[in-house]
């Protein structure tokens, strides 16, 4: 049990590290967020003593809503700017 909690914490930290190192594409950022959310979800499941099943399902619903908003943002960005690079969005805004 302790090993799985350590693995889920490491998943969160790896997602955060990749997010801090590689922030060029929106798709990479969204994938890092999802990886971090997966680590937090695993941590919540393995420590179910502190969290009820209702809180876990509510957390999953929030993750799905965030993912759909991120996907909509990615599609609209590809439509308006032609790519998903953050640098092109900042340059076109000026």
PDB file of N, CA and C in Angstrom:
ATOM      1  N   UNK A   1       0.826  -1.187   0.000  1.00  0.00           N
ATOM      2  CA  UNK A   1       0.000   0.000   0.000  1.00  0.00           C
ATOM      3  C   UNK A   1       0.876   1.259   0.000  1.00  0.00           C
ATOM      4  N   UNK A   2       1.916   1.252   0.828  1.00  0.00           N
ATOM      5  CA  UNK A   2       2.804   2.408   0.894  1.00  0.00           C
ATOM      6  C   UNK A   2       3.551   2.587  -0.423  1.00  0.00           C
ATOM      7  N   UNK A   3       3.915   1.488  -1.061  1.00  0.00           N
ATOM      8  CA  UNK A   3       4.610   1.561  -2.345  1.00  0.00           C
ATOM      9  C   UNK A   3       3.728   2.195  -3.411  1.00  0.00           C
ATOM     10  N   UNK A   4       2.466   1.824  -3.441  1.00  0.00           N
ATOM     11  CA  UNK A   4       1.562   2.398  -4.438  1.00  0.00           C
ATOM     12  C   UNK A   4       1.331   3.886  -4.185  1.00  0.00           C
ATOM     13  N   UNK A   5       1.288   4.291  -2.937  1.00  0.00           N
ATOM     14  CA  UNK A   5       1.144   5.715  -2.643  1.00  0.00           C
ATOM     15  C   UNK A   5       2.391   6.484  -3.063  1.00  0.00           C
ATOM     16  N   UNK A   6       3.562   5.874  -2.890  1.00  0.00           N
ATOM     17  CA  UNK A   6       4.794   6.523  -3.339  1.00  0.00           C
ATOM     18  C   UNK A   6       4.841   6.611  -4.858  1.00  0.00           C
ATOM     19  N   UNK A   7       4.361   5.585  -5.537  1.00  0.00           N
ATOM     20  CA  UNK A   7       4.326   5.609  -7.006  1.00  0.00           C
ATOM     21  C   UNK A   7       3.380   6.696  -7.494  1.00  0.00           C
ATOM     22  N   UNK A   8       2.226   6.832  -6.856  1.00  0.00           N
ATOM     23  CA  UNK A   8       1.290   7.872  -7.284  1.00  0.00           C
ATOM     24  C   UNK A   8       1.853   9.266  -7.012  1.00  0.00           C
ATOM     25  N   UNK A   9       2.578   9.440  -5.921  1.00  0.00           N
ATOM     26  CA  UNK A   9       3.222  10.728  -5.654  1.00  0.00           C
ATOM     27  C   UNK A   9       4.309  11.011  -6.685  1.00  0.00           C
ATOM     28  N   UNK A  10       5.058   9.984  -7.058  1.00  0.00           N
ATOM     29  CA  UNK A  10       6.094  10.155  -8.086  1.00  0.00           C
ATOM     30  C   UNK A  10       5.471  10.483  -9.437  1.00  0.00           C
ATOM     31  N   UNK A  11       4.309   9.900  -9.743  1.00  0.00           N
ATOM     32  CA  UNK A  11       3.621  10.244 -10.990  1.00  0.00           C
ATOM     33  C   UNK A  11       3.265  11.722 -11.008  1.00  0.00           C
ATOM     34  N   UNK A  12       2.783  12.222  -9.891  1.00  0.00           N
ATOM     35  CA  UNK A  12       2.451  13.644  -9.804  1.00  0.00           C
ATOM     36  C   UNK A  12       3.694  14.501 -10.003  1.00  0.00           C
ATOM     37  N   UNK A  13       4.787  14.126  -9.354  1.00  0.00           N
ATOM     38  CA  UNK A  13       6.010  14.919  -9.450  1.00  0.00           C
ATOM     39  C   UNK A  13       6.612  14.871 -10.852  1.00  0.00           C
ATOM     40  N   UNK A  14       6.548  13.723 -11.520  1.00  0.00           N
ATOM     41  CA  UNK A  14       7.051  13.629 -12.897  1.00  0.00           C
ATOM     42  C   UNK A  14       6.209  14.496 -13.824  1.00  0.00           C
ATOM     43  N   UNK A  15       4.905  14.473 -13.651  1.00  0.00           N
ATOM     44  CA  UNK A  15       4.035  15.330 -14.453  1.00  0.00           C
ATOM     45  C   UNK A  15       4.334  16.799 -14.237  1.00  0.00           C
ATOM     46  N   UNK A  16       4.578  17.183 -12.997  1.00  0.00           N
ATOM     47  CA  UNK A  16       4.911  18.573 -12.689  1.00  0.00           C
ATOM     48  C   UNK A  16       6.261  18.960 -13.276  1.00  0.00           C
ATOM     49  N   UNK A  17       7.235  18.057 -13.208  1.00  0.00           N
ATOM     50  CA  UNK A  17       8.560  18.337 -13.759  1.00  0.00           C
ATOM     51  C   UNK A  17       8.508  18.505 -15.270  1.00  0.00           C
ATOM     52  N   UNK A  18       7.793  17.622 -15.955  1.00  0.00           N
ATOM     53  CA  UNK A  18       7.662  17.740 -17.413  1.00  0.00           C
ATOM     54  C   UNK A  18       6.914  19.016 -17.770  1.00  0.00           C
ATOM     55  N   UNK A  19       5.932  19.379 -16.989  1.00  0.00           N
ATOM     56  CA  UNK A  19       5.195  20.619 -17.231  1.00  0.00           C
ATOM     57  C   UNK A  19       6.104  21.838 -17.101  1.00  0.00           C
ATOM     58  N   UNK A  20       6.982  21.833 -16.112  1.00  0.00           N
ATOM     59  CA  UNK A  20       7.882  22.969 -15.918  1.00  0.00           C
ATOM     60  C   UNK A  20       8.974  23.031 -16.977  1.00  0.00           C
ATOM     61  N   UNK A  21       9.415  21.883 -17.469  1.00  0.00           N
ATOM     62  CA  UNK A  21      10.501  21.851 -18.450  1.00  0.00           C
ATOM     63  C   UNK A  21      10.001  22.135 -19.856  1.00  0.00           C
ATOM     64  N   UNK A  22       8.880  21.560 -20.240  1.00  0.00           N
ATOM     65  CA  UNK A  22       8.420  21.636 -21.625  1.00  0.00           C
ATOM     66  C   UNK A  22       7.057  22.316 -21.670  1.00  0.00           C
ATOM     67  N   UNK A  23       7.051  23.616 -21.900  1.00  0.00           N
ATOM     68  CA  UNK A  23       5.807  24.376 -21.946  1.00  0.00           C
ATOM     69  C   UNK A  23       5.572  24.993 -23.313  1.00  0.00           C
ATOM     70  N   UNK A  24       5.986  24.320 -24.366  1.00  0.00           N
ATOM     71  CA  UNK A  24       5.884  24.947 -25.688  1.00  0.00           C
ATOM     72  C   UNK A  24       4.540  24.672 -26.362  1.00  0.00           C
ATOM     73  N   UNK A  25       3.988  23.491 -26.198  1.00  0.00           N
ATOM     74  CA  UNK A  25       2.734  23.124 -26.866  1.00  0.00           C
ATOM     75  C   UNK A  25       1.607  22.985 -25.849  1.00  0.00           C
ATOM     76  N   UNK A  26       0.425  23.362 -26.277  1.00  0.00           N
ATOM     77  CA  UNK A  26      -0.747  23.231 -25.408  1.00  0.00           C
ATOM     78  C   UNK A  26      -1.069  21.757 -25.173  1.00  0.00           C
ATOM     79  N   UNK A  27      -0.869  20.929 -26.181  1.00  0.00           N
ATOM     80  CA  UNK A  27      -1.154  19.499 -26.039  1.00  0.00           C
ATOM     81  C   UNK A  27      -0.265  18.863 -24.966  1.00  0.00           C
ATOM     82  N   UNK A  28       1.003  19.232 -24.931  1.00  0.00           N
ATOM     83  CA  UNK A  28       1.914  18.710 -23.911  1.00  0.00           C
ATOM     84  C   UNK A  28       1.466  19.169 -22.522  1.00  0.00           C
ATOM     85  N   UNK A  29       1.050  20.408 -22.419  1.00  0.00           N
ATOM     86  CA  UNK A  29       0.588  20.937 -21.130  1.00  0.00           C
ATOM     87  C   UNK A  29      -0.649  20.182 -20.655  1.00  0.00           C
ATOM     88  N   UNK A  30      -1.587  19.941 -21.564  1.00  0.00           N
ATOM     89  CA  UNK A  30      -2.804  19.211 -21.188  1.00  0.00           C
ATOM     90  C   UNK A  30      -2.494  17.771 -20.791  1.00  0.00           C
ATOM     91  N   UNK A  31      -1.562  17.131 -21.492  1.00  0.00           N
ATOM     92  CA  UNK A  31      -1.176  15.766 -21.130  1.00  0.00           C
ATOM     93  C   UNK A  31      -0.494  15.731 -19.762  1.00  0.00           C
ATOM     94  N   UNK A  32       0.315  16.731 -19.461  1.00  0.00           N
ATOM     95  CA  UNK A  32       0.949  16.796 -18.139  1.00  0.00           C
ATOM     96  C   UNK A  32      -0.096  16.977 -17.045  1.00  0.00           C
ATOM     97  N   UNK A  33      -1.083  17.837 -17.305  1.00  0.00           N
ATOM     98  CA  UNK A  33      -2.159  18.005 -16.330  1.00  0.00           C
ATOM     99  C   UNK A  33      -2.892  16.687 -16.088  1.00  0.00           C
ATOM    100  N   UNK A  34      -3.189  15.961 -17.154  1.00  0.00           N
ATOM    101  CA  UNK A  34      -3.902  14.693 -16.999  1.00  0.00           C
ATOM    102  C   UNK A  34      -3.058  13.672 -16.245  1.00  0.00           C
ATOM    103  N   UNK A  35      -1.757  13.667 -16.496  1.00  0.00           N
ATOM    104  CA  UNK A  35      -0.868  12.745 -15.782  1.00  0.00           C
ATOM    105  C   UNK A  35      -0.811  13.100 -14.295  1.00  0.00           C
ATOM    106  N   UNK A  36      -0.777  14.384 -14.000  1.00  0.00           N
ATOM    107  CA  UNK A  36      -0.785  14.811 -12.603  1.00  0.00           C
ATOM    108  C   UNK A  36      -2.116  14.462 -11.939  1.00  0.00           C
ATOM    109  N   UNK A  37      -3.221  14.647 -12.665  1.00  0.00           N
ATOM    110  CA  UNK A  37      -4.530  14.278 -12.124  1.00  0.00           C
ATOM    111  C   UNK A  37      -4.627  12.780 -11.868  1.00  0.00           C
ATOM    112  N   UNK A  38      -4.002  11.983 -12.738  1.00  0.00           N
ATOM    113  CA  UNK A  38      -4.010  10.540 -12.539  1.00  0.00           C
ATOM    114  C   UNK A  38      -3.238  10.161 -11.278  1.00  0.00           C
ATOM    115  N   UNK A  39      -2.119  10.828 -11.043  1.00  0.00           N
ATOM    116  CA  UNK A  39      -1.363  10.579  -9.816  1.00  0.00           C
ATOM    117  C   UNK A  39      -2.159  10.932  -8.574  1.00  0.00           C
ATOM    118  N   UNK A  40      -2.853  12.063  -8.611  1.00  0.00           N
ATOM    119  CA  UNK A  40      -3.684  12.466  -7.468  1.00  0.00           C
ATOM    120  C   UNK A  40      -4.843  11.495  -7.282  1.00  0.00           C
ATOM    121  N   UNK A  41      -5.430  11.040  -8.398  1.00  0.00           N
ATOM    122  CA  UNK A  41      -6.534  10.085  -8.306  1.00  0.00           C
ATOM    123  C   UNK A  41      -6.069   8.772  -7.677  1.00  0.00           C
ATOM    124  N   UNK A  42      -4.902   8.289  -8.105  1.00  0.00           N
ATOM    125  CA  UNK A  42      -4.380   7.055  -7.512  1.00  0.00           C
ATOM    126  C   UNK A  42      -4.101   7.243  -6.026  1.00  0.00           C
ATOM    127  N   UNK A  43      -3.591   8.399  -5.661  1.00  0.00           N
ATOM    128  CA  UNK A  43      -3.335   8.680  -4.250  1.00  0.00           C
ATOM    129  C   UNK A  43      -4.638   8.694  -3.459  1.00  0.00           C
ATOM    130  N   UNK A  44      -5.690   9.254  -4.051  1.00  0.00           N
ATOM    131  CA  UNK A  44      -6.990   9.275  -3.379  1.00  0.00           C
ATOM    132  C   UNK A  44      -7.566   7.873  -3.244  1.00  0.00           C
ATOM    133  N   UNK A  45      -7.398   7.050  -4.262  1.00  0.00           N
ATOM    134  CA  UNK A  45      -7.949   5.697  -4.209  1.00  0.00           C
ATOM    135  C   UNK A  45      -7.207   4.852  -3.177  1.00  0.00           C
ATOM    136  N   UNK A  46      -5.884   4.982  -3.132  1.00  0.00           N
ATOM    137  CA  UNK A  46      -5.122   4.163  -2.196  1.00  0.00           C
ATOM    138  C   UNK A  46      -5.244   4.643  -0.759  1.00  0.00           C
ATOM    139  N   UNK A  47      -5.615   5.871  -0.556  1.00  0.00           N
ATOM    140  CA  UNK A  47      -5.858   6.354   0.804  1.00  0.00           C
ATOM    141  C   UNK A  47      -7.351   6.605   0.988  1.00  0.00           C
ATOM    142  N   UNK A  48      -8.158   5.633   0.623  1.00  0.00           N
ATOM    143  CA  UNK A  48      -9.615   5.752   0.673  1.00  0.00           C
ATOM    144  C   UNK A  48     -10.122   5.884   2.106  1.00  0.00           C
ATOM    145  N   UNK A  49      -9.243   5.695   3.068  1.00  0.00           N
ATOM    146  CA  UNK A  49      -9.641   5.855   4.461  1.00  0.00           C
ATOM    147  C   UNK A  49     -10.043   7.304   4.728  1.00  0.00           C
ATOM    148  N   UNK A  50      -9.325   8.243   4.104  1.00  0.00           N
ATOM    149  CA  UNK A  50      -9.580   9.660   4.337  1.00  0.00           C
ATOM    150  C   UNK A  50     -10.617  10.232   3.385  1.00  0.00           C
ATOM    151  N   UNK A  51     -10.820   9.580   2.254  1.00  0.00           N
ATOM    152  CA  UNK A  51     -11.749  10.082   1.248  1.00  0.00           C
ATOM    153  C   UNK A  51     -12.873   9.074   1.049  1.00  0.00           C
ATOM    154  N   UNK A  52     -14.083   9.570   0.921  1.00  0.00           N
ATOM    155  CA  UNK A  52     -15.199   8.682   0.641  1.00  0.00           C
ATOM    156  C   UNK A  52     -15.308   8.469  -0.863  1.00  0.00           C
ATOM    157  N   UNK A  53     -16.095   7.508  -1.253  1.00  0.00           N
ATOM    158  CA  UNK A  53     -16.269   7.206  -2.668  1.00  0.00           C
ATOM    159  C   UNK A  53     -16.945   8.361  -3.392  1.00  0.00           C
ATOM    160  N   UNK A  54     -17.786   9.095  -2.697  1.00  0.00           N
ATOM    161  CA  UNK A  54     -18.456  10.247  -3.308  1.00  0.00           C
ATOM    162  C   UNK A  54     -17.449  11.318  -3.705  1.00  0.00           C
ATOM    163  N   UNK A  55     -16.468  11.576  -2.856  1.00  0.00           N
ATOM    164  CA  UNK A  55     -15.445  12.568  -3.180  1.00  0.00           C
ATOM    165  C   UNK A  55     -14.593  12.122  -4.357  1.00  0.00           C
ATOM    166  N   UNK A  56     -14.309  10.831  -4.443  1.00  0.00           N
ATOM    167  CA  UNK A  56     -13.510  10.313  -5.557  1.00  0.00           C
ATOM    168  C   UNK A  56     -14.268  10.468  -6.869  1.00  0.00           C
ATOM    169  N   UNK A  57     -15.553  10.158  -6.873  1.00  0.00           N
ATOM    170  CA  UNK A  57     -16.352  10.297  -8.096  1.00  0.00           C
ATOM    171  C   UNK A  57     -16.518  11.767  -8.464  1.00  0.00           C
ATOM    172  N   UNK A  58     -16.685  12.634  -7.489  1.00  0.00           N
ATOM    173  CA  UNK A  58     -16.748  14.071  -7.763  1.00  0.00           C
ATOM    174  C   UNK A  58     -15.438  14.566  -8.366  1.00  0.00           C
ATOM    175  N   UNK A  59     -14.323  14.068  -7.877  1.00  0.00           N
ATOM    176  CA  UNK A  59     -13.016  14.421  -8.431  1.00  0.00           C
ATOM    177  C   UNK A  59     -12.911  13.967  -9.885  1.00  0.00           C
ATOM    178  N   UNK A  60     -13.388  12.764 -10.180  1.00  0.00           N
ATOM    179  CA  UNK A  60     -13.368  12.279 -11.569  1.00  0.00           C
ATOM    180  C   UNK A  60     -14.234  13.142 -12.478  1.00  0.00           C
ATOM    181  N   UNK A  61     -15.370  13.580 -11.984  1.00  0.00           N
ATOM    182  CA  UNK A  61     -16.242  14.451 -12.785  1.00  0.00           C
ATOM    183  C   UNK A  61     -15.548  15.774 -13.080  1.00  0.00           C
ATOM    184  N   UNK A  62     -14.861  16.324 -12.096  1.00  0.00           N
ATOM    185  CA  UNK A  62     -14.137  17.582 -12.308  1.00  0.00           C
ATOM    186  C   UNK A  62     -13.010  17.389 -13.313  1.00  0.00           C
ATOM    187  N   UNK A  63     -12.315  16.263 -13.253  1.00  0.00           N
ATOM    188  CA  UNK A  63     -11.245  15.977 -14.217  1.00  0.00           C
ATOM    189  C   UNK A  63     -11.800  15.890 -15.629  1.00  0.00           C
ATOM    190  N   UNK A  64     -12.929  15.235 -15.800  1.00  0.00           N
ATOM    191  CA  UNK A  64     -13.526  15.102 -17.134  1.00  0.00           C
ATOM    192  C   UNK A  64     -13.953  16.466 -17.670  1.00  0.00           C
ATOM    193  N   UNK A  65     -14.527  17.299 -16.816  1.00  0.00           N
ATOM    194  CA  UNK A  65     -14.920  18.651 -17.257  1.00  0.00           C
ATOM    195  C   UNK A  65     -13.705  19.466 -17.666  1.00  0.00           C
ATOM    196  N   UNK A  66     -12.628  19.381 -16.909  1.00  0.00           N
ATOM    197  CA  UNK A  66     -11.410  20.114 -17.248  1.00  0.00           C
ATOM    198  C   UNK A  66     -10.813  19.612 -18.551  1.00  0.00           C
ATOM    199  N   UNK A  67     -10.845  18.308 -18.764  1.00  0.00           N
ATOM    200  CA  UNK A  67     -10.297  17.751 -20.003  1.00  0.00           C
ATOM    201  C   UNK A  67     -11.112  18.180 -21.213  1.00  0.00           C
ATOM    202  N   UNK A  68     -12.420  18.239 -21.074  1.00  0.00           N
ATOM    203  CA  UNK A  68     -13.238  18.667 -22.211  1.00  0.00           C
ATOM    204  C   UNK A  68     -13.033  20.149 -22.512  1.00  0.00           C
ATOM    205  N   UNK A  69     -12.870  20.976 -21.484  1.00  0.00           N
ATOM    206  CA  UNK A  69     -12.574  22.392 -21.711  1.00  0.00           C
ATOM    207  C   UNK A  69     -11.205  22.572 -22.359  1.00  0.00           C
ATOM    208  N   UNK A  70     -10.232  21.796 -21.925  1.00  0.00           N
ATOM    209  CA  UNK A  70      -8.903  21.867 -22.526  1.00  0.00           C
ATOM    210  C   UNK A  70      -8.907  21.422 -23.972  1.00  0.00           C
ATOM    211  N   UNK A  71      -9.665  20.386 -24.276  1.00  0.00           N
ATOM    212  CA  UNK A  71      -9.762  19.925 -25.660  1.00  0.00           C
ATOM    213  C   UNK A  71     -10.455  20.958 -26.528  1.00  0.00           C
ATOM    214  N   UNK A  72     -11.487  21.596 -26.014  1.00  0.00           N
ATOM    215  CA  UNK A  72     -12.144  22.666 -26.765  1.00  0.00           C
ATOM    216  C   UNK A  72     -11.216  23.838 -27.015  1.00  0.00           C
ATOM    217  N   UNK A  73     -10.414  24.182 -26.006  1.00  0.00           N
ATOM    218  CA  UNK A  73      -9.438  25.252 -26.181  1.00  0.00           C
ATOM    219  C   UNK A  73      -8.395  24.880 -27.226  1.00  0.00           C
ATOM    220  N   UNK A  74      -7.956  23.621 -27.215  1.00  0.00           N
ATOM    221  CA  UNK A  74      -6.965  23.162 -28.188  1.00  0.00           C
ATOM    222  C   UNK A  74      -7.517  23.198 -29.606  1.00  0.00           C
ATOM    223  N   UNK A  75      -8.757  22.772 -29.791  1.00  0.00           N
ATOM    224  CA  UNK A  75      -9.373  22.781 -31.120  1.00  0.00           C
ATOM    225  C   UNK A  75      -9.559  24.207 -31.619  1.00  0.00           C
ATOM    226  N   UNK A  76     -10.035  25.099 -30.761  1.00  0.00           N
ATOM    227  CA  UNK A  76     -10.220  26.486 -31.204  1.00  0.00           C
ATOM    228  C   UNK A  76      -8.887  27.169 -31.473  1.00  0.00           C
ATOM    229  N   UNK A  77      -7.870  26.834 -30.724  1.00  0.00           N
ATOM    230  CA  UNK A  77      -6.548  27.399 -30.974  1.00  0.00           C
ATOM    231  C   UNK A  77      -5.987  26.915 -32.300  1.00  0.00           C
ATOM    232  N   UNK A  78      -6.180  25.639 -32.603  1.00  0.00           N
ATOM    233  CA  UNK A  78      -5.739  25.125 -33.900  1.00  0.00           C
ATOM    234  C   UNK A  78      -6.523  25.762 -35.032  1.00  0.00           C
ATOM    235  N   UNK A  79      -7.772  26.068 -34.805  1.00  0.00           N
ATOM    236  CA  UNK A  79      -8.593  26.692 -35.845  1.00  0.00           C
ATOM    237  C   UNK A  79      -8.154  28.131 -36.104  1.00  0.00           C
ATOM    238  N   UNK A  80      -7.947  28.904 -35.045  1.00  0.00           N
ATOM    239  CA  UNK A  80      -7.627  30.324 -35.214  1.00  0.00           C
ATOM    240  C   UNK A  80      -6.150  30.590 -35.527  1.00  0.00           C
ATOM    241  N   UNK A  81      -5.243  29.848 -34.906  1.00  0.00           N
ATOM    242  CA  UNK A  81      -3.818  30.129 -35.069  1.00  0.00           C
ATOM    243  C   UNK A  81      -3.102  29.144 -35.983  1.00  0.00           C
ATOM    244  N   UNK A  82      -3.694  27.996 -36.255  1.00  0.00           N
ATOM    245  CA  UNK A  82      -3.082  27.023 -37.152  1.00  0.00           C
ATOM    246  C   UNK A  82      -2.164  26.029 -36.466  1.00  0.00           C
ATOM    247  N   UNK A  83      -1.821  26.234 -35.217  1.00  0.00           N
ATOM    248  CA  UNK A  83      -1.002  25.286 -34.465  1.00  0.00           C
ATOM    249  C   UNK A  83      -1.321  25.429 -32.977  1.00  0.00           C
ATOM    250  N   UNK A  84      -0.629  24.638 -32.175  1.00  0.00           N
ATOM    251  CA  UNK A  84      -0.898  24.699 -30.737  1.00  0.00           C
ATOM    252  C   UNK A  84       0.307  25.194 -29.948  1.00  0.00           C
ATOM    253  N   UNK A  85       1.161  25.941 -30.578  1.00  0.00           N
ATOM    254  CA  UNK A  85       2.329  26.489 -29.885  1.00  0.00           C
ATOM    255  C   UNK A  85       1.944  27.767 -29.138  1.00  0.00           C
ATOM    256  N   UNK A  86       2.408  27.867 -27.920  1.00  0.00           N
ATOM    257  CA  UNK A  86       2.095  29.050 -27.120  1.00  0.00           C
ATOM    258  C   UNK A  86       2.811  30.287 -27.639  1.00  0.00           C
ATOM    259  N   UNK A  87       3.980  30.110 -28.240  1.00  0.00           N
ATOM    260  CA  UNK A  87       4.737  31.269 -28.717  1.00  0.00           C
ATOM    261  C   UNK A  87       4.018  31.975 -29.863  1.00  0.00           C
ATOM    262  N   UNK A  88       3.373  31.226 -30.751  1.00  0.00           N
ATOM    263  CA  UNK A  88       2.662  31.871 -31.857  1.00  0.00           C
ATOM    264  C   UNK A  88       1.420  32.602 -31.362  1.00  0.00           C
ATOM    265  N   UNK A  89       0.799  32.114 -30.319  1.00  0.00           N
ATOM    266  CA  UNK A  89      -0.372  32.790 -29.775  1.00  0.00           C
ATOM    267  C   UNK A  89       0.027  34.111 -29.122  1.00  0.00           C
ATOM    268  N   UNK A  90       1.146  34.135 -28.432  1.00  0.00           N
ATOM    269  CA  UNK A  90       1.600  35.357 -27.774  1.00  0.00           C
ATOM    270  C   UNK A  90       2.048  36.384 -28.809  1.00  0.00           C
ATOM    271  N   UNK A  91       2.715  35.951 -29.878  1.00  0.00           N
ATOM    272  CA  UNK A  91       3.176  36.882 -30.908  1.00  0.00           C
ATOM    273  C   UNK A  91       2.022  37.496 -31.679  1.00  0.00           C
ATOM    274  N   UNK A  92       0.983  36.728 -31.941  1.00  0.00           N
ATOM    275  CA  UNK A  92      -0.140  37.248 -32.706  1.00  0.00           C
ATOM    276  C   UNK A  92      -1.011  38.189 -31.887  1.00  0.00           C
ATOM    277  N   UNK A  93      -0.924  38.118 -30.580  1.00  0.00           N
ATOM    278  CA  UNK A  93      -1.766  38.943 -29.730  1.00  0.00           C
ATOM    279  C   UNK A  93      -1.307  40.400 -29.706  1.00  0.00           C
ATOM    280  N   UNK A  94      -0.015  40.672 -29.879  1.00  0.00           N
ATOM    281  CA  UNK A  94       0.530  42.035 -29.777  1.00  0.00           C
ATOM    282  C   UNK A  94       0.074  42.937 -30.884  1.00  0.00           C
TER     283      UNK A  94
END
